[in-house]
Amino acid sequence: MGGCCSRPVENDTDLEQPKTSTTSPPMQDASVQTMEQSTDEKLHEVDVTLDVDTAHPNLLIDGKTVRWIKETPQRPCSDNMFDEDPYVLGIMGRAWRAYWEVNVAKKDDWVLGVTKATANRKGQLVLSPANGFWVIRLSNGGRLKAMDDKEHVLEKGIPDKVGIYLDYKEKKVTFFNAEDGSLIYSFINGPGYEDEVRPLFSPWNNDTDAITILSIETKQSKALRITSTSVNRLLYCDGELNMSGLNYTDDD
């Protein structure tokens, strides 16, 4: 076991993980295998921030962005932080259901999901629900894996944005491609409300590219700009006000 500022293992094949299955995940239930993201998940979107007090010393936290830094550790060691593997926890309010999105574009390695607040943070971590972790990871830019109690290699396209949906009532943790709404994986052995969990993030340590939690405010502002632009295009054509799309009544 390494010390607080020891360098994490860079080759993920050296990590102690559950035995890998190269076959498709077992049929859990029909809804899990065929579901796609609906508006229900996004109705439960929450604001997530990064908890710098839990971050590995070589993770640079800048707002909602986290990246690996090879140089001098960014903070002194503490009991709350991950001391060997490059992880950081998120902060969010507690609710029966929660949804958030993360931009992982241009990254070849990352880990996303949730973990019990009481799960181990010291030494090399064994990522599995049995140890309090419900996560997926991308390795070497080509292997997308669900770290279930039996690890599964997923035959899925590599997403640029990942949506994570925590449902305490159904005891599920589900991952979506946030751009097209397609299902990546769903853990049906998820935590209950009595198992307080927190978002988990890692940009890993193979490069200095960042991963970023997508802000609700930023997404809403972008949607508002798109709507405003669309309305302007409807109302104006070649610089002239287009009244044909407007309905009004004359009370005179």
C-alpha atoms as a PDB file:
ATOM      1  CA  MET A   1       0.000   0.000   0.000  1.00  0.00           C
ATOM      2  CA  GLY A   2       1.400   3.416  -0.970  1.00  0.00           C
ATOM      3  CA  GLY A   3       1.599   6.519   1.107  1.00  0.00           C
ATOM      4  CA  CYS A   4      -0.517   9.638   0.870  1.00  0.00           C
ATOM      5  CA  CYS A   5       1.352  11.146  -2.043  1.00  0.00           C
ATOM      6  CA  SER A   6       2.439   7.955  -3.785  1.00  0.00           C
ATOM      7  CA  ARG A   7       1.883   7.903  -7.518  1.00  0.00           C
ATOM      8  CA  PRO A   8      -1.122   5.823  -8.665  1.00  0.00           C
ATOM      9  CA  VAL A   9      -0.553   2.880 -10.965  1.00  0.00           C
ATOM     10  CA  GLU A  10      -0.718   4.145 -14.566  1.00  0.00           C
ATOM     11  CA  ASN A  11      -1.507   0.828 -16.234  1.00  0.00           C
ATOM     12  CA  ASP A  12      -5.000  -0.181 -15.218  1.00  0.00           C
ATOM     13  CA  THR A  13      -4.244  -3.849 -15.885  1.00  0.00           C
ATOM     14  CA  ASP A  14      -2.145  -3.788 -12.708  1.00  0.00           C
ATOM     15  CA  LEU A  15      -5.053  -2.717 -10.534  1.00  0.00           C
ATOM     16  CA  GLU A  16      -6.724  -5.255  -8.296  1.00  0.00           C
ATOM     17  CA  GLN A  17     -10.212  -5.562  -9.741  1.00  0.00           C
ATOM     18  CA  PRO A  18     -12.981  -8.160  -9.934  1.00  0.00           C
ATOM     19  CA  LYS A  19     -12.531 -10.888 -12.518  1.00  0.00           C
ATOM     20  CA  THR A  20     -13.313  -9.589 -16.001  1.00  0.00           C
ATOM     21  CA  SER A  21     -16.071 -11.019 -18.138  1.00  0.00           C
ATOM     22  CA  THR A  22     -15.774 -10.462 -21.891  1.00  0.00           C
ATOM     23  CA  THR A  23     -19.295 -11.709 -22.447  1.00  0.00           C
ATOM     24  CA  SER A  24     -22.364  -9.519 -22.444  1.00  0.00           C
ATOM     25  CA  PRO A  25     -23.802  -8.716 -19.007  1.00  0.00           C
ATOM     26  CA  PRO A  26     -26.445 -11.217 -17.854  1.00  0.00           C
ATOM     27  CA  MET A  27     -30.063 -10.361 -18.537  1.00  0.00           C
ATOM     28  CA  GLN A  28     -31.144  -8.371 -15.526  1.00  0.00           C
ATOM     29  CA  ASP A  29     -34.650  -7.538 -16.624  1.00  0.00           C
ATOM     30  CA  ALA A  30     -36.175  -6.456 -19.908  1.00  0.00           C
ATOM     31  CA  SER A  31     -36.553  -2.829 -18.900  1.00  0.00           C
ATOM     32  CA  VAL A  32     -32.892  -2.492 -17.943  1.00  0.00           C
ATOM     33  CA  GLN A  33     -31.666  -3.952 -21.219  1.00  0.00           C
ATOM     34  CA  THR A  34     -33.902  -1.885 -23.490  1.00  0.00           C
ATOM     35  CA  MET A  35     -34.426   1.358 -21.575  1.00  0.00           C
ATOM     36  CA  GLU A  36     -33.340   4.695 -22.949  1.00  0.00           C
ATOM     37  CA  GLN A  37     -33.079   7.959 -21.155  1.00  0.00           C
ATOM     38  CA  SER A  38     -36.388   9.735 -20.731  1.00  0.00           C
ATOM     39  CA  THR A  39     -37.245  13.168 -19.444  1.00  0.00           C
ATOM     40  CA  ASP A  40     -37.914  11.600 -16.014  1.00  0.00           C
ATOM     41  CA  GLU A  41     -34.219  11.382 -15.205  1.00  0.00           C
ATOM     42  CA  LYS A  42     -33.514  15.005 -16.123  1.00  0.00           C
ATOM     43  CA  LEU A  43     -36.404  16.149 -13.929  1.00  0.00           C
ATOM     44  CA  HIS A  44     -34.227  15.045 -11.019  1.00  0.00           C
ATOM     45  CA  GLU A  45     -31.113  16.916 -12.139  1.00  0.00           C
ATOM     46  CA  VAL A  46     -29.103  18.229  -9.192  1.00  0.00           C
ATOM     47  CA  ASP A  47     -26.189  20.582  -8.755  1.00  0.00           C
ATOM     48  CA  VAL A  48     -22.957  18.690  -8.017  1.00  0.00           C
ATOM     49  CA  THR A  49     -19.682  20.271  -6.945  1.00  0.00           C
ATOM     50  CA  LEU A  50     -16.264  18.777  -6.199  1.00  0.00           C
ATOM     51  CA  ASP A  51     -15.148  18.209  -2.609  1.00  0.00           C
ATOM     52  CA  VAL A  52     -11.516  19.344  -2.639  1.00  0.00           C
ATOM     53  CA  ASP A  53     -10.960  17.935   0.867  1.00  0.00           C
ATOM     54  CA  THR A  54     -11.359  14.396  -0.507  1.00  0.00           C
ATOM     55  CA  ALA A  55      -9.250  14.852  -3.660  1.00  0.00           C
ATOM     56  CA  HIS A  56      -6.005  12.977  -4.227  1.00  0.00           C
ATOM     57  CA  PRO A  57      -3.080  15.394  -3.696  1.00  0.00           C
ATOM     58  CA  ASN A  58      -2.197  15.426  -7.395  1.00  0.00           C
ATOM     59  CA  LEU A  59      -5.679  16.339  -8.612  1.00  0.00           C
ATOM     60  CA  LEU A  60      -6.146  19.991  -9.526  1.00  0.00           C
ATOM     61  CA  ILE A  61      -9.674  21.197  -8.751  1.00  0.00           C
ATOM     62  CA  ASP A  62     -10.895  24.264 -10.620  1.00  0.00           C
ATOM     63  CA  GLY A  63     -14.582  24.854  -9.995  1.00  0.00           C
ATOM     64  CA  LYS A  64     -16.336  21.822 -11.471  1.00  0.00           C
ATOM     65  CA  THR A  65     -13.279  20.675 -13.416  1.00  0.00           C
ATOM     66  CA  VAL A  66     -10.693  18.142 -12.237  1.00  0.00           C
ATOM     67  CA  ARG A  67      -7.402  17.149 -13.877  1.00  0.00           C
ATOM     68  CA  TRP A  68      -4.282  15.172 -12.978  1.00  0.00           C
ATOM     69  CA  ILE A  69      -1.127  17.203 -12.277  1.00  0.00           C
ATOM     70  CA  LYS A  70       2.232  15.412 -12.234  1.00  0.00           C
ATOM     71  CA  GLU A  71       4.100  18.136 -10.401  1.00  0.00           C
ATOM     72  CA  THR A  72       4.002  19.173  -6.745  1.00  0.00           C
ATOM     73  CA  PRO A  73       0.963  17.910  -4.803  1.00  0.00           C
ATOM     74  CA  GLN A  74      -1.845  20.461  -4.714  1.00  0.00           C
ATOM     75  CA  ARG A  75      -2.663  20.044  -1.012  1.00  0.00           C
ATOM     76  CA  PRO A  76      -1.332  18.350   2.126  1.00  0.00           C
ATOM     77  CA  CYS A  77      -2.447  14.866   3.084  1.00  0.00           C
ATOM     78  CA  SER A  78      -5.523  14.367   5.242  1.00  0.00           C
ATOM     79  CA  ASP A  79      -7.646  11.540   6.571  1.00  0.00           C
ATOM     80  CA  ASN A  80     -10.526  12.422   4.224  1.00  0.00           C
ATOM     81  CA  MET A  81      -8.645  12.245   0.911  1.00  0.00           C
ATOM     82  CA  PHE A  82      -7.875   9.412  -1.476  1.00  0.00           C
ATOM     83  CA  ASP A  83      -4.183   8.756  -0.925  1.00  0.00           C
ATOM     84  CA  GLU A  84      -3.202   6.423  -3.775  1.00  0.00           C
ATOM     85  CA  ASP A  85      -5.780   6.239  -6.584  1.00  0.00           C
ATOM     86  CA  PRO A  86      -6.686   9.594  -8.229  1.00  0.00           C
ATOM     87  CA  TYR A  87     -10.290  10.128  -7.102  1.00  0.00           C
ATOM     88  CA  VAL A  88     -12.391  12.957  -5.731  1.00  0.00           C
ATOM     89  CA  LEU A  89     -15.884  12.918  -4.267  1.00  0.00           C
ATOM     90  CA  GLY A  90     -18.751  15.181  -5.232  1.00  0.00           C
ATOM     91  CA  ILE A  91     -21.103  17.162  -3.028  1.00  0.00           C
ATOM     92  CA  MET A  92     -24.867  17.263  -3.624  1.00  0.00           C
ATOM     93  CA  GLY A  93     -28.083  17.488  -1.658  1.00  0.00           C
ATOM     94  CA  ARG A  94     -29.830  14.281  -0.649  1.00  0.00           C
ATOM     95  CA  ALA A  95     -32.977  13.224  -2.492  1.00  0.00           C
ATOM     96  CA  TRP A  96     -34.655   9.967  -3.461  1.00  0.00           C
ATOM     97  CA  ARG A  97     -33.509  10.471  -7.047  1.00  0.00           C
ATOM     98  CA  ALA A  98     -30.650  12.494  -8.522  1.00  0.00           C
ATOM     99  CA  TYR A  99     -29.202  13.028 -11.993  1.00  0.00           C
ATOM    100  CA  TRP A 100     -26.039  14.796 -13.193  1.00  0.00           C
ATOM    101  CA  GLU A 101     -23.844  14.884 -16.289  1.00  0.00           C
ATOM    102  CA  VAL A 102     -20.087  14.869 -16.857  1.00  0.00           C
ATOM    103  CA  ASN A 103     -18.081  15.906 -19.912  1.00  0.00           C
ATOM    104  CA  VAL A 104     -15.337  13.336 -20.590  1.00  0.00           C
ATOM    105  CA  ALA A 105     -14.583  14.268 -24.204  1.00  0.00           C
ATOM    106  CA  LYS A 106     -10.990  13.713 -25.414  1.00  0.00           C
ATOM    107  CA  LYS A 107     -10.228  11.499 -22.406  1.00  0.00           C
ATOM    108  CA  ASP A 108      -8.851   7.967 -22.823  1.00  0.00           C
ATOM    109  CA  ASP A 109      -9.169   7.061 -19.145  1.00  0.00           C
ATOM    110  CA  TRP A 110     -11.746   7.998 -16.534  1.00  0.00           C
ATOM    111  CA  VAL A 111     -13.931   6.601 -13.747  1.00  0.00           C
ATOM    112  CA  LEU A 112     -17.437   7.856 -12.933  1.00  0.00           C
ATOM    113  CA  GLY A 113     -20.191   6.749 -10.600  1.00  0.00           C
ATOM    114  CA  VAL A 114     -21.132   6.791  -6.940  1.00  0.00           C
ATOM    115  CA  THR A 115     -19.641   5.413  -3.742  1.00  0.00           C
ATOM    116  CA  LYS A 116     -20.772   5.004  -0.175  1.00  0.00           C
ATOM    117  CA  ALA A 117     -19.631   7.913   1.967  1.00  0.00           C
ATOM    118  CA  THR A 118     -18.066   5.339   4.294  1.00  0.00           C
ATOM    119  CA  ALA A 119     -16.202   3.393   1.573  1.00  0.00           C
ATOM    120  CA  ASN A 120     -12.438   2.994   1.778  1.00  0.00           C
ATOM    121  CA  ARG A 121     -10.324   5.868   0.400  1.00  0.00           C
ATOM    122  CA  LYS A 122      -6.877   4.538   1.258  1.00  0.00           C
ATOM    123  CA  GLY A 123      -4.569   2.406  -0.864  1.00  0.00           C
ATOM    124  CA  GLN A 124      -5.511   0.749  -4.139  1.00  0.00           C
ATOM    125  CA  LEU A 125      -9.289   0.458  -4.378  1.00  0.00           C
ATOM    126  CA  VAL A 126     -11.258  -2.576  -5.511  1.00  0.00           C
ATOM    127  CA  LEU A 127     -14.174  -1.080  -7.439  1.00  0.00           C
ATOM    128  CA  SER A 128     -17.322  -3.154  -6.972  1.00  0.00           C
ATOM    129  CA  PRO A 129     -20.765  -2.822  -5.373  1.00  0.00           C
ATOM    130  CA  ALA A 130     -19.648  -5.230  -2.647  1.00  0.00           C
ATOM    131  CA  ASN A 131     -17.070  -2.633  -1.627  1.00  0.00           C
ATOM    132  CA  GLY A 132     -19.472   0.301  -1.923  1.00  0.00           C
ATOM    133  CA  PHE A 133     -18.673   1.450  -5.478  1.00  0.00           C
ATOM    134  CA  TRP A 134     -21.070   1.609  -8.434  1.00  0.00           C
ATOM    135  CA  VAL A 135     -18.930   2.883 -11.302  1.00  0.00           C
ATOM    136  CA  ILE A 136     -18.053   2.548 -14.953  1.00  0.00           C
ATOM    137  CA  ARG A 137     -14.614   3.245 -16.369  1.00  0.00           C
ATOM    138  CA  LEU A 138     -12.904   3.852 -19.674  1.00  0.00           C
ATOM    139  CA  SER A 139      -9.454   2.316 -20.095  1.00  0.00           C
ATOM    140  CA  ASN A 140      -6.901   3.110 -22.786  1.00  0.00           C
ATOM    141  CA  GLY A 141      -9.492   4.868 -24.926  1.00  0.00           C
ATOM    142  CA  GLY A 142     -11.165   1.675 -26.054  1.00  0.00           C
ATOM    143  CA  ARG A 143     -12.406  -0.482 -23.193  1.00  0.00           C
ATOM    144  CA  LEU A 144     -15.575   0.691 -21.489  1.00  0.00           C
ATOM    145  CA  LYS A 145     -16.247  -1.407 -18.420  1.00  0.00           C
ATOM    146  CA  ALA A 146     -18.910  -1.711 -15.739  1.00  0.00           C
ATOM    147  CA  MET A 147     -17.237  -2.508 -12.433  1.00  0.00           C
ATOM    148  CA  ASP A 148     -19.990  -4.758 -11.128  1.00  0.00           C
ATOM    149  CA  ASP A 149     -19.276  -7.595  -8.706  1.00  0.00           C
ATOM    150  CA  LYS A 150     -18.215  -9.365 -11.890  1.00  0.00           C
ATOM    151  CA  GLU A 151     -16.544  -6.826 -14.176  1.00  0.00           C
ATOM    152  CA  HIS A 152     -18.169  -6.453 -17.613  1.00  0.00           C
ATOM    153  CA  VAL A 153     -16.572  -5.154 -20.796  1.00  0.00           C
ATOM    154  CA  LEU A 154     -19.319  -3.159 -22.510  1.00  0.00           C
ATOM    155  CA  GLU A 155     -19.799  -3.277 -26.253  1.00  0.00           C
ATOM    156  CA  LYS A 156     -20.796   0.375 -26.408  1.00  0.00           C
ATOM    157  CA  GLY A 157     -19.622   3.462 -28.222  1.00  0.00           C
ATOM    158  CA  ILE A 158     -17.370   5.738 -26.165  1.00  0.00           C
ATOM    159  CA  PRO A 159     -19.468   8.679 -24.901  1.00  0.00           C
ATOM    160  CA  ASP A 160     -18.285  12.293 -24.765  1.00  0.00           C
ATOM    161  CA  LYS A 161     -20.826  13.113 -22.053  1.00  0.00           C
ATOM    162  CA  VAL A 162     -22.115  10.708 -19.411  1.00  0.00           C
ATOM    163  CA  GLY A 163     -25.367  11.048 -17.482  1.00  0.00           C
ATOM    164  CA  ILE A 164     -25.548   9.378 -14.064  1.00  0.00           C
ATOM    165  CA  TYR A 165     -28.930   8.614 -12.482  1.00  0.00           C
ATOM    166  CA  LEU A 166     -29.142   7.549  -8.843  1.00  0.00           C
ATOM    167  CA  ASP A 167     -32.477   6.079  -7.767  1.00  0.00           C
ATOM    168  CA  TYR A 168     -32.611   5.160  -4.087  1.00  0.00           C
ATOM    169  CA  LYS A 169     -36.203   3.889  -4.316  1.00  0.00           C
ATOM    170  CA  GLU A 170     -35.447   1.402  -7.102  1.00  0.00           C
ATOM    171  CA  LYS A 171     -31.929   0.763  -5.751  1.00  0.00           C
ATOM    172  CA  LYS A 172     -30.431   1.430  -9.179  1.00  0.00           C
ATOM    173  CA  VAL A 173     -27.481   3.393 -10.515  1.00  0.00           C
ATOM    174  CA  THR A 174     -27.831   3.965 -14.256  1.00  0.00           C
ATOM    175  CA  PHE A 175     -25.451   5.465 -16.790  1.00  0.00           C
ATOM    176  CA  PHE A 176     -26.510   7.062 -20.070  1.00  0.00           C
ATOM    177  CA  ASN A 177     -24.836   8.564 -23.090  1.00  0.00           C
ATOM    178  CA  ALA A 178     -25.980  12.118 -22.321  1.00  0.00           C
ATOM    179  CA  GLU A 179     -25.858  13.180 -25.973  1.00  0.00           C
ATOM    180  CA  ASP A 180     -28.197  10.600 -27.513  1.00  0.00           C
ATOM    181  CA  GLY A 181     -29.905   9.260 -24.360  1.00  0.00           C
ATOM    182  CA  SER A 182     -28.857   5.655 -24.951  1.00  0.00           C
ATOM    183  CA  LEU A 183     -28.252   3.302 -22.042  1.00  0.00           C
ATOM    184  CA  ILE A 184     -24.672   2.466 -21.118  1.00  0.00           C
ATOM    185  CA  TYR A 185     -25.254   0.282 -18.055  1.00  0.00           C
ATOM    186  CA  SER A 186     -27.577  -0.077 -15.072  1.00  0.00           C
ATOM    187  CA  PHE A 187     -26.633  -1.518 -11.691  1.00  0.00           C
ATOM    188  CA  ILE A 188     -29.756  -3.124 -10.221  1.00  0.00           C
ATOM    189  CA  ASN A 189     -28.000  -3.893  -6.934  1.00  0.00           C
ATOM    190  CA  GLY A 190     -27.648  -0.248  -6.042  1.00  0.00           C
ATOM    191  CA  PRO A 191     -27.709   1.528  -2.679  1.00  0.00           C
ATOM    192  CA  GLY A 192     -30.774   2.292  -0.604  1.00  0.00           C
ATOM    193  CA  TYR A 193     -31.480   5.640   1.032  1.00  0.00           C
ATOM    194  CA  GLU A 194     -29.961   4.382   4.281  1.00  0.00           C
ATOM    195  CA  ASP A 195     -26.666   3.950   2.371  1.00  0.00           C
ATOM    196  CA  GLU A 196     -25.603   7.546   1.913  1.00  0.00           C
ATOM    197  CA  VAL A 197     -23.630   7.715  -1.328  1.00  0.00           C
ATOM    198  CA  ARG A 198     -21.688  10.473  -3.038  1.00  0.00           C
ATOM    199  CA  PRO A 199     -20.688  11.084  -6.662  1.00  0.00           C
ATOM    200  CA  LEU A 200     -17.222   9.780  -7.549  1.00  0.00           C
ATOM    201  CA  PHE A 201     -14.930  11.179 -10.251  1.00  0.00           C
ATOM    202  CA  SER A 202     -11.499  10.382 -11.638  1.00  0.00           C
ATOM    203  CA  PRO A 203      -9.701  11.776 -14.705  1.00  0.00           C
ATOM    204  CA  TRP A 204      -7.081   9.081 -14.014  1.00  0.00           C
ATOM    205  CA  ASN A 205      -3.379   9.839 -14.276  1.00  0.00           C
ATOM    206  CA  ASN A 206      -2.362   9.101 -17.882  1.00  0.00           C
ATOM    207  CA  ASP A 207      -2.665  12.702 -19.091  1.00  0.00           C
ATOM    208  CA  THR A 208      -3.530  16.191 -17.879  1.00  0.00           C
ATOM    209  CA  ASP A 209      -6.814  16.567 -19.783  1.00  0.00           C
ATOM    210  CA  ALA A 210      -9.755  17.437 -17.554  1.00  0.00           C
ATOM    211  CA  ILE A 211     -13.217  16.073 -16.918  1.00  0.00           C
ATOM    212  CA  THR A 212     -15.964  18.548 -16.032  1.00  0.00           C
ATOM    213  CA  ILE A 213     -19.291  18.334 -14.228  1.00  0.00           C
ATOM    214  CA  LEU A 214     -21.839  20.072 -16.433  1.00  0.00           C
ATOM    215  CA  SER A 215     -23.497  22.919 -14.623  1.00  0.00           C
ATOM    216  CA  ILE A 216     -27.290  23.164 -14.613  1.00  0.00           C
ATOM    217  CA  GLU A 217     -27.047  26.940 -14.945  1.00  0.00           C
ATOM    218  CA  THR A 218     -24.739  26.689 -17.966  1.00  0.00           C
ATOM    219  CA  LYS A 219     -27.018  24.193 -19.691  1.00  0.00           C
ATOM    220  CA  GLN A 220     -30.107  26.317 -18.991  1.00  0.00           C
ATOM    221  CA  SER A 221     -28.378  29.439 -20.314  1.00  0.00           C
ATOM    222  CA  LYS A 222     -27.351  27.579 -23.477  1.00  0.00           C
ATOM    223  CA  ALA A 223     -30.904  26.332 -23.984  1.00  0.00           C
ATOM    224  CA  LEU A 224     -32.224  29.869 -23.478  1.00  0.00           C
ATOM    225  CA  ARG A 225     -29.771  31.229 -26.058  1.00  0.00           C
ATOM    226  CA  ILE A 226     -30.817  28.559 -28.549  1.00  0.00           C
ATOM    227  CA  THR A 227     -34.509  29.331 -27.963  1.00  0.00           C
ATOM    228  CA  SER A 228     -33.918  33.079 -28.313  1.00  0.00           C
ATOM    229  CA  THR A 229     -31.980  32.571 -31.551  1.00  0.00           C
ATOM    230  CA  SER A 230     -34.716  30.329 -32.950  1.00  0.00           C
ATOM    231  CA  VAL A 231     -37.407  32.907 -32.158  1.00  0.00           C
ATOM    232  CA  ASN A 232     -35.390  35.666 -33.794  1.00  0.00           C
ATOM    233  CA  ARG A 233     -34.971  33.578 -36.923  1.00  0.00           C
ATOM    234  CA  LEU A 234     -38.717  33.022 -37.052  1.00  0.00           C
ATOM    235  CA  LEU A 235     -39.517  36.708 -36.607  1.00  0.00           C
ATOM    236  CA  TYR A 236     -36.880  38.152 -38.908  1.00  0.00           C
ATOM    237  CA  CYS A 237     -36.088  37.235 -42.470  1.00  0.00           C
ATOM    238  CA  ASP A 238     -33.418  39.173 -44.426  1.00  0.00           C
ATOM    239  CA  GLY A 239     -33.624  41.949 -41.837  1.00  0.00           C
ATOM    240  CA  GLU A 240     -37.394  42.371 -42.213  1.00  0.00           C
ATOM    241  CA  LEU A 241     -39.924  41.620 -39.491  1.00  0.00           C
ATOM    242  CA  ASN A 242     -41.901  38.532 -40.445  1.00  0.00           C
ATOM    243  CA  MET A 243     -45.480  38.879 -39.174  1.00  0.00           C
ATOM    244  CA  SER A 244     -46.830  35.781 -40.925  1.00  0.00           C
ATOM    245  CA  GLY A 245     -46.050  33.553 -37.960  1.00  0.00           C
ATOM    246  CA  LEU A 246     -47.777  35.772 -35.426  1.00  0.00           C
ATOM    247  CA  ASN A 247     -51.446  35.397 -34.503  1.00  0.00           C
ATOM    248  CA  TYR A 248     -53.291  38.409 -33.173  1.00  0.00           C
ATOM    249  CA  THR A 249     -56.836  39.734 -33.003  1.00  0.00           C
ATOM    250  CA  ASP A 250     -58.175  43.164 -33.819  1.00  0.00           C
ATOM    251  CA  ASP A 251     -60.681  44.292 -31.203  1.00  0.00           C
ATOM    252  CA  ASP A 252     -61.668  47.421 -33.158  1.00  0.00           C
END
